[in-house]
Amino acid sequence: MTAVKWLEVHIDTNHTGLEPVETMLSALGIDGVVIDDETEFEDFLENNRQYWDYVDEDLRQEMQGRSRITFYLEAGDEGFAKLGEVRIALEELKKSGALFLATTHYPEVKRYAEQAEGMVNARMTFDKESLKPTYRLVIGEAGESCAFYIAGKLGMPEQMLEYAARAAYGTPALPEEIRRLAAENRIRKEKTEAVRKRKAGASGMAREKRFRRGDSVMVLPDKKTGIVCEEENEKGVLRVQMPGKKIYINHKRVRLQVDASQLYPEDYDFSIIFDTVENRKLRHDMDRGKMVQGEIVVEQ
């Protein structure tokens, strides 16, 4: 079975530019895009301020100034052809006076920015010694991938790096610096005790729940904030209230931000957040023993 490779493409614009860019992509047959927008993020925080008293400042700083559309294309002839169509469409947007920045690891886009009048490359700096980003923007230079450098410093075997270079670029040639790093940091095999799968008892072992109703969580890879409205089931799937919708998602794509115990009192009525006004009114009248007309709508 051959693994499918994907191109991850980002288009950075401003808040007002999101709609025309998304419309352009939809016209090209590219749907299911991911949007990260500071304005929408701040609106979500403001509209739900009563539900929490803490916001991760790192997340807020990361969203500062961001209006980004992300989409994925298969790294084959069809995907590259579609990326070419995106480039042409972006050129038309540029002629219309739109301000945007397209970012991707695909070198063709970097060359396009170098050659096209009125466009300029930019890159974020990276400390190769500490293997950490420095968050400094350099205008006028295209970024480079540090993947092979990082892999060499982490001790990946030279033979494996050459195989990766051949698969990615069609050549096994590696810079001398990366060869040196791979030799200096070579991973050594150590024999350890075999891993044994834990067996459940006669009655079975209940899954340890990682999230509780009311927890403030971050949904990955979009890094959007939501509230857990249904705890995870036996398959590890939980339901999260996002702005304007509820989604089912695997627990592996969710990170806890603030525990529910820090946001709400112990006997808090979560129907205030998760239920509709109509449903809450019907339930309230039924609890009081009143004769009611209507039906409670249960979301699927």
C-alpha atoms as a PDB file:
ATOM      1  CA  MET A   1       0.000   0.000   0.000  1.00  0.00           C
ATOM      2  CA  THR A   2       1.431   3.392  -1.013  1.00  0.00           C
ATOM      3  CA  ALA A   3       1.049   6.238   1.471  1.00  0.00           C
ATOM      4  CA  VAL A   4      -0.623   9.356   0.086  1.00  0.00           C
ATOM      5  CA  LYS A   5       1.443  12.549   0.369  1.00  0.00           C
ATOM      6  CA  TRP A   6      -0.266  15.893   0.796  1.00  0.00           C
ATOM      7  CA  LEU A   7       0.599  19.527   0.215  1.00  0.00           C
ATOM      8  CA  GLU A   8      -0.501  21.817   3.034  1.00  0.00           C
ATOM      9  CA  VAL A   9      -1.161  25.276   1.618  1.00  0.00           C
ATOM     10  CA  HIS A  10      -1.830  28.430   3.650  1.00  0.00           C
ATOM     11  CA  ILE A  11      -3.190  31.716   2.325  1.00  0.00           C
ATOM     12  CA  ASP A  12      -2.804  34.649   4.711  1.00  0.00           C
ATOM     13  CA  THR A  13      -4.941  37.707   4.078  1.00  0.00           C
ATOM     14  CA  ASN A  14      -6.938  40.090   6.281  1.00  0.00           C
ATOM     15  CA  HIS A  15     -10.433  39.678   7.727  1.00  0.00           C
ATOM     16  CA  THR A  16     -12.188  41.278   4.764  1.00  0.00           C
ATOM     17  CA  GLY A  17     -10.109  39.189   2.352  1.00  0.00           C
ATOM     18  CA  LEU A  18     -11.275  35.839   3.733  1.00  0.00           C
ATOM     19  CA  GLU A  19     -14.559  35.766   1.825  1.00  0.00           C
ATOM     20  CA  PRO A  20     -13.166  36.541  -1.664  1.00  0.00           C
ATOM     21  CA  VAL A  21     -10.315  34.053  -1.233  1.00  0.00           C
ATOM     22  CA  GLU A  22     -12.675  31.333   0.043  1.00  0.00           C
ATOM     23  CA  THR A  23     -15.050  32.052  -2.864  1.00  0.00           C
ATOM     24  CA  MET A  24     -12.129  31.809  -5.296  1.00  0.00           C
ATOM     25  CA  LEU A  25     -11.063  28.429  -3.869  1.00  0.00           C
ATOM     26  CA  SER A  26     -14.620  27.108  -3.952  1.00  0.00           C
ATOM     27  CA  ALA A  27     -14.864  28.073  -7.630  1.00  0.00           C
ATOM     28  CA  LEU A  28     -11.724  25.977  -8.215  1.00  0.00           C
ATOM     29  CA  GLY A  29     -13.352  22.987  -6.516  1.00  0.00           C
ATOM     30  CA  ILE A  30     -11.397  23.348  -3.249  1.00  0.00           C
ATOM     31  CA  ASP A  31     -13.807  22.992  -0.330  1.00  0.00           C
ATOM     32  CA  GLY A  32     -13.420  21.938   3.281  1.00  0.00           C
ATOM     33  CA  VAL A  33     -10.931  24.708   4.026  1.00  0.00           C
ATOM     34  CA  VAL A  34      -9.850  25.593   7.569  1.00  0.00           C
ATOM     35  CA  ILE A  35     -10.141  29.253   8.590  1.00  0.00           C
ATOM     36  CA  ASP A  36      -8.224  30.849  11.471  1.00  0.00           C
ATOM     37  CA  ASP A  37      -9.275  34.437  12.031  1.00  0.00           C
ATOM     38  CA  GLU A  38      -8.437  36.772  14.926  1.00  0.00           C
ATOM     39  CA  THR A  39     -11.687  38.734  14.574  1.00  0.00           C
ATOM     40  CA  GLU A  40     -13.874  35.605  14.744  1.00  0.00           C
ATOM     41  CA  PHE A  41     -11.779  34.278  17.627  1.00  0.00           C
ATOM     42  CA  GLU A  42     -12.189  37.490  19.648  1.00  0.00           C
ATOM     43  CA  ASP A  43     -15.928  37.591  18.873  1.00  0.00           C
ATOM     44  CA  PHE A  44     -16.255  34.018  20.133  1.00  0.00           C
ATOM     45  CA  LEU A  45     -14.448  34.920  23.364  1.00  0.00           C
ATOM     46  CA  GLU A  46     -16.573  38.036  23.874  1.00  0.00           C
ATOM     47  CA  ASN A  47     -19.879  36.248  23.213  1.00  0.00           C
ATOM     48  CA  ASN A  48     -18.998  33.452  25.635  1.00  0.00           C
ATOM     49  CA  ARG A  49     -17.263  35.553  28.279  1.00  0.00           C
ATOM     50  CA  GLN A  50     -19.799  34.525  30.941  1.00  0.00           C
ATOM     51  CA  TYR A  51     -18.778  30.884  30.666  1.00  0.00           C
ATOM     52  CA  TRP A  52     -15.124  31.225  31.658  1.00  0.00           C
ATOM     53  CA  ASP A  53     -12.785  33.601  33.401  1.00  0.00           C
ATOM     54  CA  TYR A  54      -9.522  32.491  31.816  1.00  0.00           C
ATOM     55  CA  VAL A  55      -8.168  32.532  28.257  1.00  0.00           C
ATOM     56  CA  ASP A  56      -4.804  31.052  27.275  1.00  0.00           C
ATOM     57  CA  GLU A  57      -2.697  34.109  26.466  1.00  0.00           C
ATOM     58  CA  ASP A  58      -0.344  32.029  24.295  1.00  0.00           C
ATOM     59  CA  LEU A  59      -3.327  31.071  22.127  1.00  0.00           C
ATOM     60  CA  ARG A  60      -4.509  34.679  21.997  1.00  0.00           C
ATOM     61  CA  GLN A  61      -1.024  35.847  21.008  1.00  0.00           C
ATOM     62  CA  GLU A  62      -0.809  33.134  18.344  1.00  0.00           C
ATOM     63  CA  MET A  63      -4.103  34.343  16.832  1.00  0.00           C
ATOM     64  CA  GLN A  64      -3.008  37.999  16.858  1.00  0.00           C
ATOM     65  CA  GLY A  65      -3.159  39.450  13.356  1.00  0.00           C
ATOM     66  CA  ARG A  66      -4.088  36.092  11.811  1.00  0.00           C
ATOM     67  CA  SER A  67      -6.599  35.697   8.987  1.00  0.00           C
ATOM     68  CA  ARG A  68      -5.553  32.432   7.368  1.00  0.00           C
ATOM     69  CA  ILE A  69      -7.149  29.870   5.075  1.00  0.00           C
ATOM     70  CA  THR A  70      -5.583  26.385   5.030  1.00  0.00           C
ATOM     71  CA  PHE A  71      -6.324  23.597   2.565  1.00  0.00           C
ATOM     72  CA  TYR A  72      -4.735  20.361   1.381  1.00  0.00           C
ATOM     73  CA  LEU A  73      -3.900  19.042  -2.089  1.00  0.00           C
ATOM     74  CA  GLU A  74      -2.638  15.592  -3.019  1.00  0.00           C
ATOM     75  CA  ALA A  75       1.078  15.752  -3.863  1.00  0.00           C
ATOM     76  CA  GLY A  76       0.698  14.347  -7.357  1.00  0.00           C
ATOM     77  CA  ASP A  77       0.198  15.608 -10.893  1.00  0.00           C
ATOM     78  CA  GLU A  78      -3.416  16.534 -10.191  1.00  0.00           C
ATOM     79  CA  GLY A  79      -2.545  18.356  -6.967  1.00  0.00           C
ATOM     80  CA  PHE A  80       0.298  20.320  -8.592  1.00  0.00           C
ATOM     81  CA  ALA A  81      -2.009  21.240 -11.481  1.00  0.00           C
ATOM     82  CA  LYS A  82      -4.599  22.488  -8.996  1.00  0.00           C
ATOM     83  CA  LEU A  83      -1.917  24.477  -7.189  1.00  0.00           C
ATOM     84  CA  GLY A  84      -1.055  26.081 -10.518  1.00  0.00           C
ATOM     85  CA  GLU A  85      -4.692  27.114 -10.891  1.00  0.00           C
ATOM     86  CA  VAL A  86      -4.579  28.626  -7.404  1.00  0.00           C
ATOM     87  CA  ARG A  87      -1.477  30.617  -8.389  1.00  0.00           C
ATOM     88  CA  ILE A  88      -3.241  32.019 -11.454  1.00  0.00           C
ATOM     89  CA  ALA A  89      -6.298  32.921  -9.396  1.00  0.00           C
ATOM     90  CA  LEU A  90      -4.116  34.606  -6.758  1.00  0.00           C
ATOM     91  CA  GLU A  91      -2.491  36.619  -9.538  1.00  0.00           C
ATOM     92  CA  GLU A  92      -5.930  37.854 -10.573  1.00  0.00           C
ATOM     93  CA  LEU A  93      -6.713  38.759  -6.958  1.00  0.00           C
ATOM     94  CA  LYS A  94      -3.457  40.680  -6.786  1.00  0.00           C
ATOM     95  CA  LYS A  95      -4.416  42.651  -9.873  1.00  0.00           C
ATOM     96  CA  SER A  96      -7.698  43.537  -8.189  1.00  0.00           C
ATOM     97  CA  GLY A  97      -5.768  45.249  -5.386  1.00  0.00           C
ATOM     98  CA  ALA A  98      -6.207  42.564  -2.726  1.00  0.00           C
ATOM     99  CA  LEU A  99      -3.492  42.239  -0.068  1.00  0.00           C
ATOM    100  CA  PHE A 100      -2.515  38.691   0.853  1.00  0.00           C
ATOM    101  CA  LEU A 101       0.390  36.350   1.458  1.00  0.00           C
ATOM    102  CA  ALA A 102       0.419  32.708   0.341  1.00  0.00           C
ATOM    103  CA  THR A 103       2.698  30.374   2.285  1.00  0.00           C
ATOM    104  CA  THR A 104       3.629  26.783   1.553  1.00  0.00           C
ATOM    105  CA  HIS A 105       6.631  24.446   1.479  1.00  0.00           C
ATOM    106  CA  TYR A 106       6.083  24.015  -2.257  1.00  0.00           C
ATOM    107  CA  PRO A 107       9.098  25.785  -3.885  1.00  0.00           C
ATOM    108  CA  GLU A 108       7.124  26.745  -6.999  1.00  0.00           C
ATOM    109  CA  VAL A 109       5.154  29.277  -4.958  1.00  0.00           C
ATOM    110  CA  LYS A 110       8.387  30.777  -3.581  1.00  0.00           C
ATOM    111  CA  ARG A 111       9.780  31.153  -7.105  1.00  0.00           C
ATOM    112  CA  TYR A 112       6.507  32.739  -8.194  1.00  0.00           C
ATOM    113  CA  ALA A 113       6.775  35.355  -5.416  1.00  0.00           C
ATOM    114  CA  GLU A 114      10.389  36.076  -6.435  1.00  0.00           C
ATOM    115  CA  GLN A 115       9.456  36.654 -10.075  1.00  0.00           C
ATOM    116  CA  ALA A 116       6.036  38.307  -9.827  1.00  0.00           C
ATOM    117  CA  GLU A 117       6.004  42.085  -9.747  1.00  0.00           C
ATOM    118  CA  GLY A 118       4.443  43.574  -6.625  1.00  0.00           C
ATOM    119  CA  MET A 119       5.020  40.450  -4.507  1.00  0.00           C
ATOM    120  CA  VAL A 120       7.746  39.638  -1.998  1.00  0.00           C
ATOM    121  CA  ASN A 121       8.810  36.567  -0.050  1.00  0.00           C
ATOM    122  CA  ALA A 122       9.183  36.484   3.716  1.00  0.00           C
ATOM    123  CA  ARG A 123      10.298  33.888   6.233  1.00  0.00           C
ATOM    124  CA  MET A 124      10.282  33.237   9.959  1.00  0.00           C
ATOM    125  CA  THR A 125      13.717  32.604  11.489  1.00  0.00           C
ATOM    126  CA  PHE A 126      14.603  29.329  13.205  1.00  0.00           C
ATOM    127  CA  ASP A 127      17.424  28.579  15.670  1.00  0.00           C
ATOM    128  CA  LYS A 128      19.081  25.409  14.386  1.00  0.00           C
ATOM    129  CA  GLU A 129      21.034  24.884  17.610  1.00  0.00           C
ATOM    130  CA  SER A 130      18.103  24.981  20.033  1.00  0.00           C
ATOM    131  CA  LEU A 131      15.665  23.664  17.382  1.00  0.00           C
ATOM    132  CA  LYS A 132      13.213  26.407  18.350  1.00  0.00           C
ATOM    133  CA  PRO A 133      11.523  29.179  16.350  1.00  0.00           C
ATOM    134  CA  THR A 134      12.692  32.722  17.117  1.00  0.00           C
ATOM    135  CA  TYR A 135       9.478  34.406  15.888  1.00  0.00           C
ATOM    136  CA  ARG A 136      11.399  36.997  13.850  1.00  0.00           C
ATOM    137  CA  LEU A 137      10.063  37.915  10.422  1.00  0.00           C
ATOM    138  CA  VAL A 138      12.587  38.515   7.634  1.00  0.00           C
ATOM    139  CA  ILE A 139      11.154  40.322   4.586  1.00  0.00           C
ATOM    140  CA  GLY A 140      12.622  39.607   1.153  1.00  0.00           C
ATOM    141  CA  GLU A 141      13.846  36.041   1.757  1.00  0.00           C
ATOM    142  CA  ALA A 142      12.102  32.737   1.072  1.00  0.00           C
ATOM    143  CA  GLY A 143      12.007  30.229   3.907  1.00  0.00           C
ATOM    144  CA  GLU A 144      13.797  26.896   3.823  1.00  0.00           C
ATOM    145  CA  SER A 145      12.823  23.556   5.287  1.00  0.00           C
ATOM    146  CA  CYS A 146      14.910  22.516   8.293  1.00  0.00           C
ATOM    147  CA  ALA A 147      13.432  19.017   8.393  1.00  0.00           C
ATOM    148  CA  PHE A 148      16.643  17.190   7.384  1.00  0.00           C
ATOM    149  CA  TYR A 149      18.768  19.339   9.701  1.00  0.00           C
ATOM    150  CA  ILE A 150      16.461  18.589  12.649  1.00  0.00           C
ATOM    151  CA  ALA A 151      16.331  14.887  11.794  1.00  0.00           C
ATOM    152  CA  GLY A 152      20.135  14.753  11.627  1.00  0.00           C
ATOM    153  CA  LYS A 153      20.530  16.515  14.959  1.00  0.00           C
ATOM    154  CA  LEU A 154      18.021  14.159  16.554  1.00  0.00           C
ATOM    155  CA  GLY A 155      20.145  11.217  15.411  1.00  0.00           C
ATOM    156  CA  MET A 156      18.262   9.775  12.455  1.00  0.00           C
ATOM    157  CA  PRO A 157      20.566   7.377  10.524  1.00  0.00           C
ATOM    158  CA  GLU A 158      22.291   8.814   7.471  1.00  0.00           C
ATOM    159  CA  GLN A 159      20.955   6.008   5.279  1.00  0.00           C
ATOM    160  CA  MET A 160      17.390   6.901   6.286  1.00  0.00           C
ATOM    161  CA  LEU A 161      17.999  10.595   5.561  1.00  0.00           C
ATOM    162  CA  GLU A 162      19.365   9.760   2.107  1.00  0.00           C
ATOM    163  CA  TYR A 163      16.288   7.635   1.385  1.00  0.00           C
ATOM    164  CA  ALA A 164      14.041  10.527   2.481  1.00  0.00           C
ATOM    165  CA  ALA A 165      15.979  13.012   0.316  1.00  0.00           C
ATOM    166  CA  ARG A 166      15.635  10.716  -2.682  1.00  0.00           C
ATOM    167  CA  ALA A 167      11.867  10.334  -2.081  1.00  0.00           C
ATOM    168  CA  ALA A 168      11.335  14.081  -1.578  1.00  0.00           C
ATOM    169  CA  TYR A 169      13.725  15.632  -4.093  1.00  0.00           C
ATOM    170  CA  GLY A 170      14.875  12.798  -6.357  1.00  0.00           C
ATOM    171  CA  THR A 171      18.478  12.975  -5.114  1.00  0.00           C
ATOM    172  CA  PRO A 172      20.227  11.234  -2.217  1.00  0.00           C
ATOM    173  CA  ALA A 173      22.778  14.025  -1.837  1.00  0.00           C
ATOM    174  CA  LEU A 174      22.936  15.471   1.679  1.00  0.00           C
ATOM    175  CA  PRO A 175      24.873  18.567   2.778  1.00  0.00           C
ATOM    176  CA  GLU A 176      28.060  17.751   4.666  1.00  0.00           C
ATOM    177  CA  GLU A 177      26.728  19.505   7.771  1.00  0.00           C
ATOM    178  CA  ILE A 178      23.753  17.145   7.957  1.00  0.00           C
ATOM    179  CA  ARG A 179      26.003  14.097   7.450  1.00  0.00           C
ATOM    180  CA  ARG A 180      28.154  15.301  10.331  1.00  0.00           C
ATOM    181  CA  LEU A 181      25.146  15.827  12.604  1.00  0.00           C
ATOM    182  CA  ALA A 182      23.778  12.367  11.797  1.00  0.00           C
ATOM    183  CA  ALA A 183      27.155  10.812  12.678  1.00  0.00           C
ATOM    184  CA  GLU A 184      27.580  12.805  15.905  1.00  0.00           C
ATOM    185  CA  ASN A 185      24.056  12.146  17.177  1.00  0.00           C
ATOM    186  CA  ARG A 186      23.566   8.608  15.939  1.00  0.00           C
ATOM    187  CA  ILE A 187      20.742   6.774  17.704  1.00  0.00           C
ATOM    188  CA  ARG A 188      21.867   3.638  19.515  1.00  0.00           C
ATOM    189  CA  LYS A 189      19.610   0.660  20.009  1.00  0.00           C
ATOM    190  CA  GLU A 190      19.051  -0.469  23.577  1.00  0.00           C
ATOM    191  CA  LYS A 191      17.363  -3.684  24.565  1.00  0.00           C
ATOM    192  CA  THR A 192      14.430  -3.086  26.869  1.00  0.00           C
ATOM    193  CA  GLU A 193      11.727  -5.181  28.428  1.00  0.00           C
ATOM    194  CA  ALA A 194       9.004  -6.128  26.004  1.00  0.00           C
ATOM    195  CA  VAL A 195       5.842  -4.065  26.151  1.00  0.00           C
ATOM    196  CA  ARG A 196       2.882  -6.087  27.355  1.00  0.00           C
ATOM    197  CA  LYS A 197      -0.700  -5.144  26.755  1.00  0.00           C
ATOM    198  CA  ARG A 198      -2.637  -4.673  29.970  1.00  0.00           C
ATOM    199  CA  LYS A 199      -5.494  -7.152  30.247  1.00  0.00           C
ATOM    200  CA  ALA A 200      -8.883  -6.107  31.486  1.00  0.00           C
ATOM    201  CA  GLY A 201     -10.371  -7.879  34.487  1.00  0.00           C
ATOM    202  CA  ALA A 202     -13.394 -10.148  34.374  1.00  0.00           C
ATOM    203  CA  SER A 203     -15.737  -7.193  34.347  1.00  0.00           C
ATOM    204  CA  GLY A 204     -13.574  -5.224  31.908  1.00  0.00           C
ATOM    205  CA  MET A 205     -11.804  -1.943  32.531  1.00  0.00           C
ATOM    206  CA  ALA A 206     -13.732   1.267  32.126  1.00  0.00           C
ATOM    207  CA  ARG A 207     -12.068   3.837  29.883  1.00  0.00           C
ATOM    208  CA  GLU A 208     -10.486   6.602  31.885  1.00  0.00           C
ATOM    209  CA  LYS A 209     -12.255   9.764  30.791  1.00  0.00           C
ATOM    210  CA  ARG A 210      -9.885  12.555  29.911  1.00  0.00           C
ATOM    211  CA  PHE A 211     -12.508  15.285  29.578  1.00  0.00           C
ATOM    212  CA  ARG A 212     -15.590  16.308  31.498  1.00  0.00           C
ATOM    213  CA  ARG A 213     -18.679  18.180  30.458  1.00  0.00           C
ATOM    214  CA  GLY A 214     -17.951  21.890  30.582  1.00  0.00           C
ATOM    215  CA  ASP A 215     -14.185  21.618  30.012  1.00  0.00           C
ATOM    216  CA  SER A 216     -12.726  24.369  27.828  1.00  0.00           C
ATOM    217  CA  VAL A 217     -10.699  22.606  25.102  1.00  0.00           C
ATOM    218  CA  MET A 218      -8.674  23.374  21.991  1.00  0.00           C
ATOM    219  CA  VAL A 219      -9.629  21.454  18.842  1.00  0.00           C
ATOM    220  CA  LEU A 220      -6.670  20.448  16.656  1.00  0.00           C
ATOM    221  CA  PRO A 221      -5.315  21.084  14.097  1.00  0.00           C
ATOM    222  CA  ASP A 222      -7.516  24.197  13.757  1.00  0.00           C
ATOM    223  CA  LYS A 223      -6.589  25.407  17.283  1.00  0.00           C
ATOM    224  CA  LYS A 224     -10.137  26.613  17.812  1.00  0.00           C
ATOM    225  CA  THR A 225     -11.640  26.813  21.308  1.00  0.00           C
ATOM    226  CA  GLY A 226     -14.799  24.956  22.323  1.00  0.00           C
ATOM    227  CA  ILE A 227     -16.674  23.506  25.313  1.00  0.00           C
ATOM    228  CA  VAL A 228     -17.197  19.762  25.915  1.00  0.00           C
ATOM    229  CA  CYS A 229     -20.952  19.118  25.803  1.00  0.00           C
ATOM    230  CA  GLU A 230     -20.871  15.287  25.758  1.00  0.00           C
ATOM    231  CA  GLU A 231     -18.161  13.224  27.434  1.00  0.00           C
ATOM    232  CA  GLU A 232     -16.276  10.667  25.352  1.00  0.00           C
ATOM    233  CA  ASN A 233     -17.822   7.278  24.639  1.00  0.00           C
ATOM    234  CA  GLU A 234     -16.190   3.844  24.637  1.00  0.00           C
ATOM    235  CA  LYS A 235     -14.542   4.658  21.307  1.00  0.00           C
ATOM    236  CA  GLY A 236     -12.934   7.815  22.666  1.00  0.00           C
ATOM    237  CA  VAL A 237     -15.227  10.163  20.726  1.00  0.00           C
ATOM    238  CA  LEU A 238     -16.641  13.232  22.473  1.00  0.00           C
ATOM    239  CA  ARG A 239     -18.841  16.137  21.422  1.00  0.00           C
ATOM    240  CA  VAL A 240     -17.685  19.740  21.521  1.00  0.00           C
ATOM    241  CA  GLN A 241     -19.703  22.936  21.297  1.00  0.00           C
ATOM    242  CA  MET A 242     -18.051  25.207  18.728  1.00  0.00           C
ATOM    243  CA  PRO A 243     -19.250  28.641  17.590  1.00  0.00           C
ATOM    244  CA  GLY A 244     -22.651  27.974  15.995  1.00  0.00           C
ATOM    245  CA  LYS A 245     -22.374  24.175  15.885  1.00  0.00           C
ATOM    246  CA  LYS A 246     -21.636  20.969  17.819  1.00  0.00           C
ATOM    247  CA  ILE A 247     -19.096  18.490  16.456  1.00  0.00           C
ATOM    248  CA  TYR A 248     -18.106  14.908  17.268  1.00  0.00           C
ATOM    249  CA  ILE A 249     -14.337  14.473  17.477  1.00  0.00           C
ATOM    250  CA  ASN A 250     -11.778  11.900  18.651  1.00  0.00           C
ATOM    251  CA  HIS A 251     -10.152  12.672  22.007  1.00  0.00           C
ATOM    252  CA  LYS A 252      -6.699  12.613  20.365  1.00  0.00           C
ATOM    253  CA  ARG A 253      -7.555  15.840  18.504  1.00  0.00           C
ATOM    254  CA  VAL A 254      -8.571  17.696  21.669  1.00  0.00           C
ATOM    255  CA  ARG A 255      -6.379  19.436  24.273  1.00  0.00           C
ATOM    256  CA  LEU A 256      -7.627  20.580  27.666  1.00  0.00           C
ATOM    257  CA  GLN A 257      -7.315  24.318  28.264  1.00  0.00           C
ATOM    258  CA  VAL A 258      -9.335  24.944  31.435  1.00  0.00           C
ATOM    259  CA  ASP A 259     -10.986  22.301  33.626  1.00  0.00           C
ATOM    260  CA  ALA A 260     -14.746  22.652  34.107  1.00  0.00           C
ATOM    261  CA  SER A 261     -14.257  22.805  37.892  1.00  0.00           C
ATOM    262  CA  GLN A 262     -12.450  26.126  37.428  1.00  0.00           C
ATOM    263  CA  LEU A 263     -15.199  27.566  35.238  1.00  0.00           C
ATOM    264  CA  TYR A 264     -18.512  26.513  36.806  1.00  0.00           C
ATOM    265  CA  PRO A 265     -19.948  25.695  40.259  1.00  0.00           C
ATOM    266  CA  GLU A 266     -20.420  22.018  41.080  1.00  0.00           C
ATOM    267  CA  ASP A 267     -24.192  21.974  40.451  1.00  0.00           C
ATOM    268  CA  TYR A 268     -24.138  24.200  37.351  1.00  0.00           C
ATOM    269  CA  ASP A 269     -27.004  23.674  34.876  1.00  0.00           C
ATOM    270  CA  PHE A 270     -25.223  23.103  31.556  1.00  0.00           C
ATOM    271  CA  SER A 271     -28.491  23.247  29.631  1.00  0.00           C
ATOM    272  CA  ILE A 272     -28.055  27.032  29.864  1.00  0.00           C
ATOM    273  CA  ILE A 273     -25.129  26.671  27.444  1.00  0.00           C
ATOM    274  CA  PHE A 274     -25.966  23.637  25.352  1.00  0.00           C
ATOM    275  CA  ASP A 275     -29.764  23.622  25.047  1.00  0.00           C
ATOM    276  CA  THR A 276     -32.115  25.915  23.134  1.00  0.00           C
ATOM    277  CA  VAL A 277     -34.332  28.433  24.895  1.00  0.00           C
ATOM    278  CA  GLU A 278     -37.440  26.563  23.647  1.00  0.00           C
ATOM    279  CA  ASN A 279     -36.259  23.226  25.065  1.00  0.00           C
ATOM    280  CA  ARG A 280     -35.344  24.760  28.412  1.00  0.00           C
ATOM    281  CA  LYS A 281     -38.755  26.442  28.705  1.00  0.00           C
ATOM    282  CA  LEU A 282     -40.585  23.181  27.904  1.00  0.00           C
ATOM    283  CA  ARG A 283     -38.530  21.239  30.431  1.00  0.00           C
ATOM    284  CA  HIS A 284     -39.112  23.922  33.067  1.00  0.00           C
ATOM    285  CA  ASP A 285     -42.889  23.802  32.547  1.00  0.00           C
ATOM    286  CA  MET A 286     -42.882  19.980  32.631  1.00  0.00           C
ATOM    287  CA  ASP A 287     -40.905  19.975  35.888  1.00  0.00           C
ATOM    288  CA  ARG A 288     -43.546  22.275  37.372  1.00  0.00           C
ATOM    289  CA  GLY A 289     -46.282  19.854  36.333  1.00  0.00           C
ATOM    290  CA  LYS A 290     -47.844  22.161  33.761  1.00  0.00           C
ATOM    291  CA  MET A 291     -49.659  20.856  30.711  1.00  0.00           C
ATOM    292  CA  VAL A 292     -47.492  21.817  27.746  1.00  0.00           C
ATOM    293  CA  GLN A 293     -47.827  21.723  23.976  1.00  0.00           C
ATOM    294  CA  GLY A 294     -44.781  21.228  21.840  1.00  0.00           C
ATOM    295  CA  GLU A 295     -41.878  18.830  21.562  1.00  0.00           C
ATOM    296  CA  ILE A 296     -38.325  18.830  22.854  1.00  0.00           C
ATOM    297  CA  VAL A 297     -35.882  18.692  19.948  1.00  0.00           C
ATOM    298  CA  VAL A 298     -32.934  16.371  20.576  1.00  0.00           C
ATOM    299  CA  GLU A 299     -29.897  17.089  18.387  1.00  0.00           C
ATOM    300  CA  GLN A 300     -28.290  14.107  16.683  1.00  0.00           C
END
